[in-house]
Amino acid sequence: MAEFNEKTTVRDLAAKYSQVRPVFERYGIDYCCGGLHDLETAAAEKGVGVEMLIEALGDAIKSPVSGQAQRDWSKSNVTDLADHIEKRHHTFMKEQLPRLAGLMATVLEAHGARHGDMLKSLKGVFESLRSEIEQHLMKEEQILFPYIRRIDEYAIEGGDAPEAHCGTVQNPIRQMEYEHDNAGRALAKMRELTSNYTLPGDACNTFRALYDGLKALEGDLHEHIHLENNILFPKAVETEKKLTRKDE
């Protein structure tokens, strides 16, 4: 039986039970960037009764994981998780960001006369998000993830201690978390501009594909940020601290 209460953090619950994430999404509770809030605080911010939220979370935990079985990444080492994030989420972004940019241009051209103000604002937010995400992925792949893998290798195999060019793993992590917050705000802004991705009456199939793609982008990015903020980053910090104590 799962044990949690109103003082359990959103992050801890989301990291342990993948089934609860749709519940958080249903109530608009951020389990990625806002995951440090306890359930009581998160419920209050959204005007949700904490008892109702806890009941819904408990029901979700009792239910089997839907669809494809999901790995419990909280029990994995940081190398495996970093590899998964790159293979799954980085690849998704690299494929979908250019595709969505093309759809955005097509929809703006076709529907600019009636929906130009909204679409231009949406395009501006998306382009800013795309630019930051592309830089973000590059920094993770070239700086943060290689160092995380090195400290994991040192923890397992020993040998020469990895050299931290940025002082400590917490420094690049802080930057990544700052960028995650920016991405969260951009996602919220796109939902606001589109009235929660409500299609206008004259929407064509390309318009629908754009909104479906943006919703998929949001879902993937939520999962991506959750895995990093709530699991990978805390594990990497703890691994580095253990190595520091070992070397003293």
Protein backbone atom coordinates (compact mmCIF):
# COMPACT_ATOMS: atom_id res chain seq x y z
CA MET A 1 0.00 0.00 0.00
CA ALA A 2 1.44 3.37 -1.00
CA GLU A 3 2.20 5.66 1.91
CA PHE A 4 1.94 9.39 1.30
CA ASN A 5 0.12 12.39 2.76
CA GLU A 6 -0.43 16.09 2.19
CA LYS A 7 3.22 16.82 3.07
CA THR A 8 4.60 14.45 0.44
CA THR A 9 6.22 16.42 -2.36
CA VAL A 10 4.85 16.30 -5.86
CA ARG A 11 8.33 15.38 -7.10
CA ASP A 12 8.71 12.38 -4.83
CA LEU A 13 5.32 10.95 -5.77
CA ALA A 14 5.78 11.52 -9.50
CA ALA A 15 9.23 9.95 -9.41
CA LYS A 16 7.98 6.83 -7.61
CA TYR A 17 4.66 6.26 -9.39
CA SER A 18 4.33 7.04 -13.10
CA GLN A 19 0.55 6.46 -12.84
CA VAL A 20 0.06 9.70 -10.89
CA ARG A 21 1.33 12.01 -13.60
CA PRO A 22 -1.97 12.11 -15.54
CA VAL A 23 -3.71 13.04 -12.27
CA PHE A 24 -1.36 15.97 -11.77
CA GLU A 25 -1.88 17.01 -15.39
CA ARG A 26 -5.67 16.79 -15.00
CA TYR A 27 -5.56 19.24 -12.10
CA GLY A 28 -2.95 21.44 -13.75
CA ILE A 29 -0.32 20.64 -11.12
CA ASP A 30 3.26 21.04 -12.32
CA TYR A 31 5.26 17.93 -11.37
CA CYS A 32 8.32 19.09 -13.33
CA CYS A 33 9.53 22.57 -12.43
CA GLY A 34 7.14 22.92 -9.50
CA GLY A 35 7.77 19.45 -8.13
CA LEU A 36 9.24 20.62 -4.84
CA HIS A 37 5.83 21.74 -3.56
CA ASP A 38 4.05 19.40 -1.18
CA LEU A 39 0.62 18.12 -2.16
CA GLU A 40 -1.15 20.51 0.19
CA THR A 41 0.54 23.56 -1.34
CA ALA A 42 0.11 22.33 -4.91
CA ALA A 43 -3.59 21.64 -4.36
CA ALA A 44 -4.17 25.04 -2.75
CA GLU A 45 -2.50 26.84 -5.67
CA LYS A 46 -4.92 25.18 -8.08
CA GLY A 47 -8.01 25.53 -5.87
CA VAL A 48 -8.28 21.77 -5.46
CA GLY A 49 -9.22 20.07 -2.21
CA VAL A 50 -6.18 18.20 -0.94
CA GLU A 51 -8.34 15.29 0.24
CA MET A 52 -9.81 14.93 -3.25
CA LEU A 53 -6.36 15.11 -4.80
CA ILE A 54 -4.95 12.48 -2.42
CA GLU A 55 -7.88 10.18 -3.16
CA ALA A 56 -7.37 10.54 -6.93
CA LEU A 57 -3.65 9.89 -6.55
CA GLY A 58 -4.30 6.83 -4.40
CA ASP A 59 -6.71 5.43 -6.98
CA ALA A 60 -4.14 6.00 -9.72
CA ILE A 61 -1.42 4.22 -7.78
CA LYS A 62 -3.66 1.18 -7.27
CA SER A 63 -4.32 0.91 -10.99
CA PRO A 64 -1.87 -0.85 -13.30
CA VAL A 65 0.37 1.25 -15.51
CA SER A 66 -1.50 1.73 -18.78
CA GLY A 67 0.04 0.99 -22.14
CA GLN A 68 3.64 -0.02 -22.41
CA ALA A 69 5.31 -0.96 -19.13
CA GLN A 70 7.35 1.95 -17.83
CA ARG A 71 10.72 1.51 -16.18
CA ASP A 72 11.19 2.81 -12.67
CA TRP A 73 14.00 5.25 -13.41
CA SER A 74 14.40 6.15 -9.74
CA LYS A 75 16.11 2.76 -9.34
CA SER A 76 18.44 3.17 -12.33
CA ASN A 77 21.95 4.54 -12.43
CA VAL A 78 22.56 7.99 -13.87
CA THR A 79 24.28 6.69 -17.01
CA ASP A 80 21.30 4.58 -18.06
CA LEU A 81 18.91 7.46 -17.39
CA ALA A 82 21.03 9.99 -19.28
CA ASP A 83 21.23 7.55 -22.21
CA HIS A 84 17.44 7.13 -22.15
CA ILE A 85 16.80 10.89 -22.09
CA GLU A 86 19.09 11.42 -25.07
CA LYS A 87 17.72 8.52 -27.08
CA ARG A 88 14.04 9.15 -26.35
CA HIS A 89 13.51 12.82 -25.56
CA HIS A 90 16.38 14.55 -27.34
CA THR A 91 15.62 12.59 -30.51
CA PHE A 92 11.94 13.50 -30.27
CA MET A 93 12.73 17.21 -29.98
CA LYS A 94 15.20 17.16 -32.85
CA GLU A 95 12.58 15.54 -35.08
CA GLN A 96 9.53 17.50 -34.00
CA LEU A 97 10.79 21.07 -33.61
CA PRO A 98 11.57 21.53 -37.35
CA ARG A 99 8.32 19.74 -38.28
CA LEU A 100 6.26 22.05 -36.05
CA ALA A 101 8.03 25.11 -37.42
CA GLY A 102 6.95 24.07 -40.90
CA LEU A 103 3.36 23.48 -39.81
CA MET A 104 3.32 26.84 -38.06
CA ALA A 105 4.40 28.65 -41.22
CA THR A 106 1.79 26.84 -43.32
CA VAL A 107 -1.06 27.55 -40.89
CA LEU A 108 -0.09 31.21 -40.55
CA GLU A 109 -0.09 31.63 -44.31
CA ALA A 110 -3.45 29.90 -44.73
CA HIS A 111 -5.26 31.35 -41.70
CA GLY A 112 -3.43 34.62 -41.10
CA ALA A 113 -6.33 36.74 -42.32
CA ARG A 114 -8.68 35.52 -39.56
CA HIS A 115 -6.33 34.32 -36.84
CA GLY A 116 -3.15 36.24 -37.58
CA ASP A 117 -2.74 37.98 -34.21
CA MET A 118 -2.97 34.76 -32.24
CA LEU A 119 -0.85 32.76 -34.67
CA LYS A 120 1.89 35.39 -34.80
CA SER A 121 2.07 35.47 -31.01
CA LEU A 122 2.09 31.67 -30.91
CA LYS A 123 4.85 31.56 -33.51
CA GLY A 124 6.95 34.02 -31.49
CA VAL A 125 6.68 31.95 -28.30
CA PHE A 126 7.37 28.71 -30.18
CA GLU A 127 10.43 30.09 -31.96
CA SER A 128 11.89 31.35 -28.69
CA LEU A 129 11.21 27.97 -27.06
CA ARG A 130 12.72 26.11 -29.99
CA SER A 131 15.91 28.16 -29.89
CA GLU A 132 16.35 27.63 -26.16
CA ILE A 133 15.59 23.91 -26.36
CA GLU A 134 18.10 23.36 -29.16
CA GLN A 135 20.81 25.12 -27.14
CA HIS A 136 19.71 23.23 -24.04
CA LEU A 137 20.05 19.83 -25.72
CA MET A 138 23.50 20.72 -26.99
CA LYS A 139 24.71 21.74 -23.52
CA GLU A 140 23.36 18.54 -22.02
CA GLU A 141 24.96 16.35 -24.68
CA GLN A 142 28.32 18.12 -24.76
CA ILE A 143 28.82 19.20 -21.14
CA LEU A 144 26.47 17.91 -18.47
CA PHE A 145 25.72 14.34 -19.52
CA PRO A 146 29.35 13.41 -20.31
CA TYR A 147 30.39 14.60 -16.85
CA ILE A 148 27.51 12.73 -15.21
CA ARG A 149 28.63 9.56 -17.00
CA ARG A 150 32.22 10.09 -15.86
CA ILE A 151 31.29 10.44 -12.19
CA ASP A 152 29.10 7.35 -12.49
CA GLU A 153 31.96 5.40 -14.07
CA TYR A 154 34.33 6.56 -11.33
CA ALA A 155 31.83 5.53 -8.65
CA ILE A 156 31.58 2.02 -10.13
CA GLU A 157 35.08 1.33 -11.45
CA GLY A 158 37.38 3.76 -9.65
CA GLY A 159 40.47 4.95 -11.48
CA ASP A 160 41.20 8.61 -12.04
CA ALA A 161 38.70 11.01 -10.52
CA PRO A 162 36.76 12.96 -13.18
CA GLU A 163 37.77 16.57 -13.59
CA ALA A 164 34.92 19.04 -13.15
CA HIS A 165 35.65 22.01 -15.43
CA CYS A 166 32.56 23.78 -14.08
CA GLY A 167 33.47 23.34 -10.40
CA THR A 168 30.69 20.97 -9.44
CA VAL A 169 27.83 19.23 -11.22
CA GLN A 170 25.44 21.54 -9.39
CA ASN A 171 26.54 24.52 -11.48
CA PRO A 172 25.39 23.24 -14.91
CA ILE A 173 22.36 21.66 -13.23
CA ARG A 174 21.26 25.05 -11.92
CA GLN A 175 21.44 26.44 -15.44
CA MET A 176 19.47 23.51 -16.84
CA GLU A 177 16.78 23.96 -14.17
CA TYR A 178 16.57 27.67 -14.98
CA GLU A 179 16.02 26.79 -18.63
CA HIS A 180 13.42 24.20 -17.64
CA ASP A 181 11.52 26.95 -15.82
CA ASN A 182 11.65 29.09 -18.97
CA ALA A 183 10.33 26.19 -21.03
CA GLY A 184 7.50 25.63 -18.56
CA ARG A 185 6.46 29.26 -18.87
CA ALA A 186 6.55 29.03 -22.67
CA LEU A 187 4.35 25.92 -22.66
CA ALA A 188 1.86 27.66 -20.37
CA LYS A 189 1.85 30.72 -22.63
CA MET A 190 1.12 28.63 -25.73
CA ARG A 191 -1.80 26.99 -23.95
CA GLU A 192 -3.10 30.42 -22.97
CA LEU A 193 -2.80 31.80 -26.51
CA THR A 194 -4.64 28.82 -28.00
CA SER A 195 -7.30 28.57 -25.26
CA ASN A 196 -5.97 25.13 -24.31
CA TYR A 197 -5.51 24.19 -27.97
CA THR A 198 -9.13 24.75 -28.89
CA LEU A 199 -9.38 24.69 -32.67
CA PRO A 200 -11.27 27.49 -34.41
CA GLY A 201 -14.31 26.54 -36.46
CA ASP A 202 -12.51 26.99 -39.78
CA ALA A 203 -9.47 24.93 -38.79
CA CYS A 204 -8.03 22.69 -41.52
CA ASN A 205 -6.22 19.41 -41.06
CA THR A 206 -2.85 21.21 -40.95
CA PHE A 207 -4.16 23.45 -38.17
CA ARG A 208 -5.22 20.32 -36.29
CA ALA A 209 -1.83 18.69 -36.89
CA LEU A 210 -0.10 21.78 -35.50
CA TYR A 211 -2.13 21.76 -32.28
CA ASP A 212 -1.76 18.00 -31.89
CA GLY A 213 1.98 18.36 -32.40
CA LEU A 214 2.29 21.16 -29.86
CA LYS A 215 0.37 19.11 -27.29
CA ALA A 216 2.67 16.15 -27.95
CA LEU A 217 5.67 18.46 -27.57
CA GLU A 218 4.31 19.64 -24.23
CA GLY A 219 3.76 16.09 -22.99
CA ASP A 220 7.22 14.93 -24.01
CA LEU A 221 8.88 17.99 -22.50
CA HIS A 222 7.01 17.51 -19.22
CA GLU A 223 8.30 13.93 -19.04
CA HIS A 224 11.80 15.04 -20.04
CA ILE A 225 11.95 17.74 -17.35
CA HIS A 226 10.45 15.41 -14.76
CA LEU A 227 13.13 12.78 -15.35
CA GLU A 228 15.89 15.37 -15.06
CA ASN A 229 14.67 17.64 -12.25
CA ASN A 230 13.19 14.90 -10.08
CA ILE A 231 15.49 11.93 -10.69
CA LEU A 232 18.65 12.46 -12.76
CA PHE A 233 19.85 15.72 -11.22
CA PRO A 234 19.37 14.74 -7.55
CA LYS A 235 21.07 11.38 -8.23
CA ALA A 236 24.01 13.09 -9.98
CA VAL A 237 24.47 15.55 -7.11
CA GLU A 238 24.40 12.73 -4.55
CA THR A 239 26.83 10.60 -6.59
CA GLU A 240 29.30 13.48 -6.80
CA LYS A 241 29.01 14.17 -3.08
CA LYS A 242 29.81 10.54 -2.29
CA LEU A 243 32.88 10.72 -4.48
CA THR A 244 34.01 13.90 -2.75
CA ARG A 245 33.68 12.24 0.66
CA LYS A 246 35.51 9.19 -0.70
CA ASP A 247 38.48 11.28 -1.81
CA GLU A 248 38.83 13.17 1.47
